[in-house]
Protein backbone atom coordinates (compact mmCIF):
# COMPACT_ATOMS: atom_id res chain seq x y z
CA MET A 1 86.86 63.45 111.86
CA ARG A 2 83.65 65.31 111.96
CA VAL A 3 83.13 66.83 115.44
CA VAL A 4 80.80 68.97 117.11
CA ALA A 5 82.20 70.51 120.20
CA LYS A 6 80.42 72.36 122.72
CA PHE A 7 81.84 74.91 125.11
CA GLY A 8 80.26 75.71 128.32
CA GLY A 9 79.67 78.70 130.02
CA THR A 10 82.84 78.26 132.44
CA SER A 11 85.04 77.47 129.38
CA LEU A 12 84.36 80.83 127.86
CA GLY A 13 84.07 82.79 131.15
CA SER A 14 86.87 85.21 130.14
CA GLY A 15 88.87 86.48 127.25
CA ASP A 16 91.76 84.10 128.21
CA ARG A 17 89.43 81.43 128.31
CA ILE A 18 87.94 82.17 124.77
CA ASN A 19 91.35 82.13 123.75
CA ARG A 20 91.98 79.02 124.95
CA ALA A 21 88.70 77.55 123.28
CA ALA A 22 90.16 79.20 119.78
CA ASP A 23 93.55 77.75 120.34
CA SER A 24 91.85 74.10 120.95
CA ILE A 25 89.64 74.44 117.92
CA ALA A 26 92.21 75.80 115.76
CA ALA A 27 94.70 72.95 116.07
CA ALA A 28 91.85 70.34 115.40
CA VAL A 29 90.97 72.39 112.06
CA GLU A 30 94.76 72.21 111.44
CA ASP A 31 94.88 68.53 111.91
CA GLY A 32 92.34 68.13 109.12
CA HIS A 33 89.25 67.67 111.36
CA GLU A 34 85.58 69.21 110.73
CA ILE A 35 84.37 71.19 113.64
CA ALA A 36 81.19 72.74 114.39
CA VAL A 37 80.97 74.79 117.53
CA VAL A 38 78.11 75.08 120.30
CA ALA A 39 78.67 77.90 122.28
CA SER A 40 76.72 78.86 125.57
CA ALA A 41 76.79 82.30 127.15
CA MET A 42 79.73 83.45 128.81
CA GLY A 43 79.72 82.33 132.56
CA SER A 44 76.75 82.95 134.40
CA THR A 45 75.47 85.55 132.21
CA THR A 46 72.02 83.67 131.34
CA ASP A 47 71.24 83.57 135.31
CA ASP A 48 72.44 86.96 135.59
CA LEU A 49 70.02 87.92 132.39
CA LEU A 50 66.86 86.37 133.99
CA GLU A 51 67.73 87.74 138.03
CA GLU A 52 67.24 91.22 136.32
CA ILE A 53 63.72 90.30 134.84
CA THR A 54 62.14 91.95 137.76
CA PHE A 55 58.88 92.91 135.62
CA GLU A 56 56.35 91.24 133.89
CA ALA A 57 57.60 89.75 130.91
CA ASP A 58 55.98 87.28 128.21
CA GLU A 59 57.70 84.04 127.07
CA ALA A 60 58.96 85.57 123.93
CA ASP A 61 60.45 88.99 125.45
CA ARG A 62 61.99 86.37 127.95
CA SER A 63 63.45 84.16 125.18
CA GLN A 64 64.84 87.46 123.55
CA ILE A 65 66.65 88.82 126.58
CA VAL A 66 68.45 85.61 127.83
CA SER A 67 69.38 84.94 124.30
CA MET A 68 71.92 87.78 124.25
CA GLY A 69 74.38 85.62 126.37
CA GLU A 70 74.75 83.07 123.57
CA ARG A 71 74.63 85.79 120.98
CA THR A 72 77.63 87.43 122.59
CA SER A 73 79.51 84.15 122.95
CA VAL A 74 79.35 83.47 119.14
CA ARG A 75 80.59 86.55 118.15
CA MET A 76 83.68 86.76 120.32
CA LEU A 77 84.54 83.07 119.53
CA LYS A 78 83.89 83.73 115.89
CA ALA A 79 86.68 86.73 116.20
CA ALA A 80 89.18 84.77 118.26
CA LEU A 81 88.89 82.23 115.83
CA SER A 82 89.37 84.81 112.69
CA SER A 83 92.54 86.21 114.27
CA ARG A 84 94.14 82.84 114.32
CA GLY A 85 93.28 82.66 110.04
CA ILE A 86 90.58 80.12 110.69
CA GLU A 87 87.63 80.99 108.69
CA ALA A 88 84.70 80.91 110.96
CA GLN A 89 81.09 82.40 110.66
CA PHE A 90 78.46 82.88 113.71
CA LEU A 91 74.92 81.31 113.76
CA GLU A 92 72.03 82.36 115.53
CA PRO A 93 67.99 82.28 115.08
CA GLY A 94 67.63 84.66 112.36
CA SER A 95 70.73 83.61 110.77
CA ASP A 96 71.04 82.02 106.91
CA GLY A 97 71.31 78.60 107.79
CA TRP A 98 70.12 78.66 111.15
CA PRO A 99 69.49 75.00 112.02
CA ILE A 100 67.50 74.13 114.74
CA ILE A 101 63.52 74.70 114.34
CA THR A 102 60.65 74.34 116.91
CA ASP A 103 56.81 73.74 115.87
CA GLU A 104 54.03 75.63 117.29
CA PHE A 105 54.28 73.66 120.58
CA GLY A 106 57.81 74.57 121.08
CA GLU A 107 58.83 70.92 120.17
CA VAL A 108 62.06 70.10 118.02
CA ASP A 109 60.73 70.02 114.45
CA VAL A 110 63.32 66.81 113.40
CA GLU A 111 62.61 66.60 109.98
CA GLU A 112 63.15 70.22 109.18
CA THR A 113 65.98 70.33 111.80
CA ARG A 114 67.56 67.45 110.28
CA LYS A 115 67.44 68.93 106.78
CA ARG A 116 69.22 72.26 107.91
CA ALA A 117 71.35 70.39 110.11
CA LEU A 118 72.86 68.54 106.84
CA GLU A 119 73.07 71.68 105.05
CA VAL A 120 75.38 73.23 107.95
CA ALA A 121 77.49 69.80 107.76
CA ASP A 122 78.00 70.26 103.86
CA SER A 123 79.33 73.78 104.40
CA LEU A 124 82.02 72.14 107.11
CA ASP A 125 84.87 72.20 104.43
CA GLY A 126 86.98 74.82 105.03
CA VAL A 127 84.47 76.98 107.37
CA VAL A 128 83.78 76.65 111.23
CA PRO A 129 80.53 77.50 112.25
CA VAL A 130 79.92 78.79 115.73
CA ILE A 131 76.06 77.94 116.59
CA THR A 132 74.48 79.22 119.67
CA GLY A 133 73.79 76.97 121.88
CA PHE A 134 70.41 76.59 124.13
CA LEU A 135 68.47 78.54 121.52
CA ALA A 136 65.97 77.64 118.72
CA GLU A 137 63.69 79.72 116.18
CA GLY A 138 59.93 78.99 115.30
CA HIS A 139 58.45 78.71 111.98
CA ASP A 140 57.26 82.24 112.31
CA GLY A 141 60.81 83.52 113.04
CA SER A 142 60.47 83.83 117.14
CA ILE A 143 62.82 82.99 119.42
CA THR A 144 62.46 79.63 121.40
CA THR A 145 64.49 77.75 123.61
CA LEU A 146 65.73 74.24 124.68
CA GLY A 147 65.19 74.40 128.38
CA ARG A 148 67.86 74.33 130.99
CA GLY A 149 71.19 72.30 129.97
CA GLY A 150 69.87 73.45 126.33
CA SER A 151 73.47 73.82 124.99
CA ASP A 152 74.30 70.14 125.73
CA THR A 153 71.35 69.36 123.63
CA THR A 154 71.98 71.50 121.15
CA ALA A 155 75.31 69.89 120.44
CA VAL A 156 74.03 66.08 121.04
CA MET A 157 71.27 66.95 118.76
CA LEU A 158 73.36 68.46 115.84
CA GLY A 159 76.03 65.71 116.32
CA LYS A 160 73.28 63.25 115.27
CA TYR A 161 71.72 65.27 112.75
CA MET A 162 74.79 66.14 110.82
CA ARG A 163 76.21 62.83 111.36
CA ALA A 164 79.27 63.69 113.12
CA ASP A 165 81.82 61.01 114.20
CA GLU A 166 82.07 62.57 117.79
CA VAL A 167 80.37 65.24 120.03
CA VAL A 168 82.95 66.82 122.70
CA ILE A 169 81.49 68.62 126.00
CA VAL A 170 84.23 70.99 126.64
CA THR A 171 83.34 72.05 130.68
CA ASP A 172 84.61 72.47 133.74
CA VAL A 173 85.14 68.85 135.17
CA GLU A 174 87.80 66.44 133.97
CA GLY A 175 84.66 64.40 132.92
CA VAL A 176 82.67 61.79 135.08
CA MET A 177 84.13 61.80 138.13
CA THR A 178 83.80 59.14 141.25
CA GLY A 179 82.21 61.50 143.18
CA ASP A 180 82.21 65.54 143.50
CA PRO A 181 85.77 66.32 144.21
CA HIS A 182 84.31 69.48 146.19
CA VAL A 183 83.28 66.72 148.53
CA VAL A 184 85.20 63.47 148.71
CA GLU A 185 88.57 63.00 148.95
CA GLY A 186 90.63 60.91 145.82
CA ALA A 187 87.67 61.70 143.36
CA ARG A 188 89.10 60.53 140.14
CA ASN A 189 87.79 60.30 136.66
CA VAL A 190 85.59 58.00 134.86
CA GLY A 191 87.33 56.66 131.70
CA GLU A 192 84.02 55.10 130.42
CA ILE A 193 80.16 55.30 131.16
CA SER A 194 77.03 54.23 129.82
CA VAL A 195 74.43 56.31 128.99
CA ASP A 196 72.17 54.84 131.07
CA GLU A 197 74.58 55.12 133.99
CA LEU A 198 75.11 58.91 133.45
CA ARG A 199 71.29 59.68 132.72
CA ASN A 200 70.47 58.18 136.05
CA LEU A 201 73.35 60.39 137.56
CA SER A 202 72.30 63.32 135.87
CA PHE A 203 68.59 63.10 136.96
CA ARG A 204 69.76 62.76 140.69
CA GLY A 205 72.03 65.77 140.86
CA ALA A 206 75.24 65.23 138.35
CA GLU A 207 75.72 68.31 136.37
CA VAL A 208 78.02 66.69 133.77
CA VAL A 209 75.65 66.46 130.34
CA ALA A 210 72.04 67.57 130.45
CA PRO A 211 69.61 64.75 130.69
CA SER A 212 67.59 66.17 127.66
CA ALA A 213 71.06 65.93 125.73
CA LEU A 214 71.50 62.18 126.29
CA SER A 215 68.33 61.53 124.43
CA TYR A 216 69.71 62.12 121.09
CA LYS A 217 73.04 59.85 121.38
CA ASP A 218 72.60 56.90 119.15
CA GLY A 219 75.25 54.01 119.09
CA LYS A 220 76.85 55.55 116.19
CA LEU A 221 77.74 58.59 117.84
CA ASP A 222 80.24 59.10 120.35
CA VAL A 223 80.10 61.49 123.11
CA ARG A 224 83.11 62.69 125.60
CA VAL A 225 83.25 65.05 128.48
CA VAL A 226 86.69 67.11 128.77
CA HIS A 227 87.97 69.59 130.72
CA TYR A 228 88.63 73.30 129.51
CA GLN A 229 92.07 73.17 130.45
CA HIS A 230 92.75 69.95 128.65
CA GLY A 231 93.52 71.90 125.31
CA ASP A 232 93.03 68.77 122.80
CA LEU A 233 89.50 69.01 121.68
CA LEU A 234 90.29 64.96 120.62
CA THR A 235 91.54 62.81 123.46
CA GLY A 236 91.30 62.57 127.32
CA GLY A 237 87.94 63.07 129.62
CA THR A 238 85.04 60.35 129.66
CA SER A 239 83.72 58.52 127.04
CA ILE A 240 80.00 58.28 126.97
CA GLU A 241 79.13 54.69 125.67
CA GLY A 242 75.87 52.86 123.93
CA GLN A 243 72.82 54.34 123.19
CA PHE A 244 68.92 54.53 125.01
CA GLN A 245 66.62 51.19 124.41
CA SER A 246 63.02 51.23 125.08
CA LEU A 247 62.30 48.06 126.71
CA VAL A 248 59.50 46.00 128.55
CA ASP A 249 61.29 42.97 130.17
CA MET A 250 59.88 40.28 132.63
CA ARG A 251 62.20 38.16 135.26
CA GLU A 252 61.44 34.74 134.17
CA ARG A 253 61.78 33.37 137.41
CA PRO A 254 59.50 34.23 140.52
CA LEU A 255 60.36 36.57 143.43
CA ALA A 256 59.63 36.52 147.24
CA CYS A 257 58.75 39.74 148.91
CA LEU A 258 60.10 39.91 152.37
CA THR A 259 59.07 42.85 154.54
CA VAL A 260 60.85 43.88 157.96
CA ALA A 261 58.68 45.91 160.11
CA GLY A 262 59.56 48.02 162.96
CA ARG A 263 58.16 51.73 164.51
CA ALA A 264 61.72 52.76 164.94
CA ILE A 265 62.95 52.28 161.79
CA ARG A 266 63.11 55.18 160.20
CA ASN A 267 65.06 57.03 163.09
CA GLU A 268 67.43 54.34 163.58
CA PRO A 269 70.89 54.51 161.85
CA GLY A 270 72.25 51.23 160.50
CA VAL A 271 69.11 49.11 160.40
CA PHE A 272 69.09 48.97 156.66
CA GLN A 273 72.81 48.12 156.29
CA SER A 274 72.73 45.46 158.74
CA LEU A 275 69.75 44.08 157.12
CA SER A 276 71.05 43.88 153.60
CA ALA A 277 74.43 42.73 155.09
CA ALA A 278 73.12 40.06 156.91
CA LEU A 279 71.43 38.63 153.38
CA GLY A 280 74.55 39.82 151.49
CA ASP A 281 77.23 37.61 153.88
CA SER A 282 74.83 34.86 153.14
CA LYS A 283 74.77 35.11 149.60
CA VAL A 284 71.44 36.11 149.00
CA ASN A 285 70.96 37.96 145.90
CA VAL A 286 68.60 41.13 146.52
CA ASP A 287 66.68 42.07 143.51
CA ALA A 288 65.14 45.10 144.52
CA VAL A 289 64.41 47.22 147.77
CA ALA A 290 61.73 49.36 148.74
CA SER A 291 61.29 51.07 151.94
CA GLY A 292 58.15 52.66 153.51
CA LEU A 293 57.95 54.74 156.74
CA ASP A 294 58.04 51.58 158.99
CA SER A 295 59.33 49.00 156.86
CA ILE A 296 61.86 47.92 154.48
CA THR A 297 61.24 45.27 151.79
CA PHE A 298 63.49 42.99 149.91
CA TYR A 299 63.03 40.93 146.68
CA VAL A 300 64.71 37.88 146.33
CA ASP A 301 64.42 34.57 144.17
CA GLU A 302 61.13 32.59 145.83
CA ASP A 303 63.85 29.75 146.19
CA GLU A 304 65.65 31.80 148.74
CA SER A 305 62.70 33.20 150.45
CA GLU A 306 62.55 30.84 153.34
CA ARG A 307 66.44 30.99 154.15
CA ALA A 308 66.48 34.74 153.49
CA GLU A 309 63.26 34.79 155.94
CA ASN A 310 65.45 33.23 158.75
CA ILE A 311 68.31 35.38 158.21
CA LEU A 312 66.21 38.45 158.49
CA HIS A 313 64.23 36.98 161.64
CA ARG A 314 67.59 36.51 163.54
CA GLU A 315 68.03 40.46 162.95
CA VAL A 316 64.73 40.96 164.25
CA ILE A 317 65.15 39.13 167.41
CA ALA A 318 68.54 40.91 167.60
CA GLN A 319 67.50 44.66 167.21
CA ASP A 320 64.92 46.23 169.71
CA ALA A 321 64.23 48.46 166.51
CA LEU A 322 62.36 45.86 164.43
CA SER A 323 59.08 44.00 165.00
CA SER A 324 58.64 41.34 162.63
CA VAL A 325 59.19 39.88 159.20
CA THR A 326 56.75 38.25 157.12
CA VAL A 327 56.82 36.77 153.35
CA ASP A 328 54.88 37.33 150.11
CA SER A 329 55.11 35.19 147.16
CA PRO A 330 55.19 34.37 144.52
CA LEU A 331 55.29 37.70 142.69
CA ALA A 332 56.55 38.61 139.40
CA VAL A 333 58.63 42.05 138.54
CA ILE A 334 57.97 43.68 134.70
CA ARG A 335 60.40 46.47 134.22
CA VAL A 336 59.79 49.25 131.45
CA THR A 337 63.42 50.93 130.37
CA GLY A 338 63.76 54.06 128.34
CA GLY A 339 65.50 57.41 127.65
CA GLU A 340 62.65 59.34 127.16
CA LEU A 341 60.09 58.30 130.62
CA PRO A 342 61.68 61.04 132.70
CA ASN A 343 60.45 63.73 129.89
CA GLN A 344 56.71 62.22 129.98
CA PRO A 345 54.37 63.73 132.27
CA GLY A 346 52.05 61.48 133.61
CA ILE A 347 53.94 58.19 132.59
CA ILE A 348 53.54 56.82 135.40
CA SER A 349 49.43 56.64 135.46
CA GLU A 350 49.93 55.87 132.00
CA ILE A 351 51.25 52.34 132.98
CA VAL A 352 49.26 51.85 136.08
CA ASP A 353 45.80 52.82 134.87
CA PRO A 354 45.68 49.87 132.24
CA LEU A 355 46.45 47.53 134.86
CA GLY A 356 43.60 48.77 137.31
CA ASP A 357 41.38 48.49 134.54
CA ALA A 358 42.46 44.85 134.26
CA ARG A 359 42.12 43.85 137.34
CA ILE A 360 45.38 43.26 137.97
CA ASN A 361 46.69 44.26 141.56
CA VAL A 362 50.09 46.26 141.69
CA HIS A 363 51.88 45.23 145.05
CA ASP A 364 54.74 47.67 144.74
CA LEU A 365 56.28 50.36 142.04
CA ILE A 366 59.55 51.03 142.26
CA THR A 367 61.20 54.13 140.03
CA SER A 368 64.54 55.23 138.83
CA ALA A 369 65.36 57.91 136.35
CA THR A 370 64.93 55.74 133.35
CA SER A 371 62.86 52.59 134.43
CA VAL A 372 59.84 51.64 136.42
CA ALA A 373 59.25 48.26 138.00
CA LEU A 374 55.71 46.83 138.57
CA PHE A 375 55.65 44.24 141.01
CA VAL A 376 52.70 42.06 140.41
CA ASP A 377 50.97 38.52 141.28
CA TRP A 378 52.86 35.79 139.62
CA GLU A 379 49.50 34.42 138.15
CA ASP A 380 48.97 38.07 136.54
CA ARG A 381 52.29 38.19 135.04
CA GLU A 382 51.53 37.72 131.50
CA ASP A 383 48.33 39.82 130.97
CA THR A 384 50.93 42.70 133.13
CA LEU A 385 53.20 42.03 130.28
CA GLU A 386 51.03 41.89 127.43
CA ILE A 387 49.57 45.26 128.45
CA THR A 388 52.74 46.84 129.13
CA GLN A 389 54.02 45.99 125.58
CA ASP A 390 51.05 47.58 124.08
CA LEU A 391 51.47 51.05 125.79
CA PHE A 392 55.57 50.78 124.51
């Protein structure tokens, strides 16, 4: 197999850990696999360097300074591989054959980077390139960076452009866990997770794979996350499945909007739980939920609206914290889904402004890390769908 293995800062945080990394790489090479390595800065080197820049420094100087962490790591790891009889070479910005090039705006030059990545791939037979993560090079030779989590981005990007079979992210966790093992008891490894699920978790605090990296994953490229103590690059951990697909989709059936109001809702524990449990116990499916300072809104099938209203009304009567329930229908929901949405500043206004220009009232808007849901009058659904599809 052709594998790009990325070693995070923790997995290279000491000489012993660099030896462990080198052992796992050497074992994969000896088994006949083509391996390219992406290395982060050792331990917390990058953060330490940034903290010491207590003076005015322009972006070019800052990039040069913080690049020293990755530059040290690739030299250490290359030396450890050479001591094991593995032919290796380190690549950093400025090196002959450096692959990742950015344009005048600091964005990856896809065409040039793909061409150079394939040239690196052609040299894999018998040689292990050890590549600085996080860093890039401008056409003018300047040092640029790929942002926070950039080593993950380097690895998955190169995996895609080098036509690798798999990218292995070696880090300080057992893969994706059911919960933070430092906080919850009984957390266990998730064997498989979809790229959409992980993207949502990543944008909400899960520090497993940088969200920017996941946008480079396609359906042909396998990505796994393994613990640095595992020792085997090619087994275990969590497999990240699938790829992002931009999609504009309209729900075929109309929805009803049920809003429960109460001045004390935000200060009363358990209100939301009791309302949603009452609907769930009666087998009413909830399509979406939104909350305000003094209200909670449930979107359900219009066919279920009368039954759902009666269920919620019983809760209103039973709880002093609640005042009233009301129903609005029929409504339509159009969802825009795409892995690049979080990376597009102003995307919400780009979606909503054309609807305002068309005199379409947006009743509600619910966002997640990778989707935007628009709730409009049922009679406006086709126009909303057409306008939104034209945008994407």
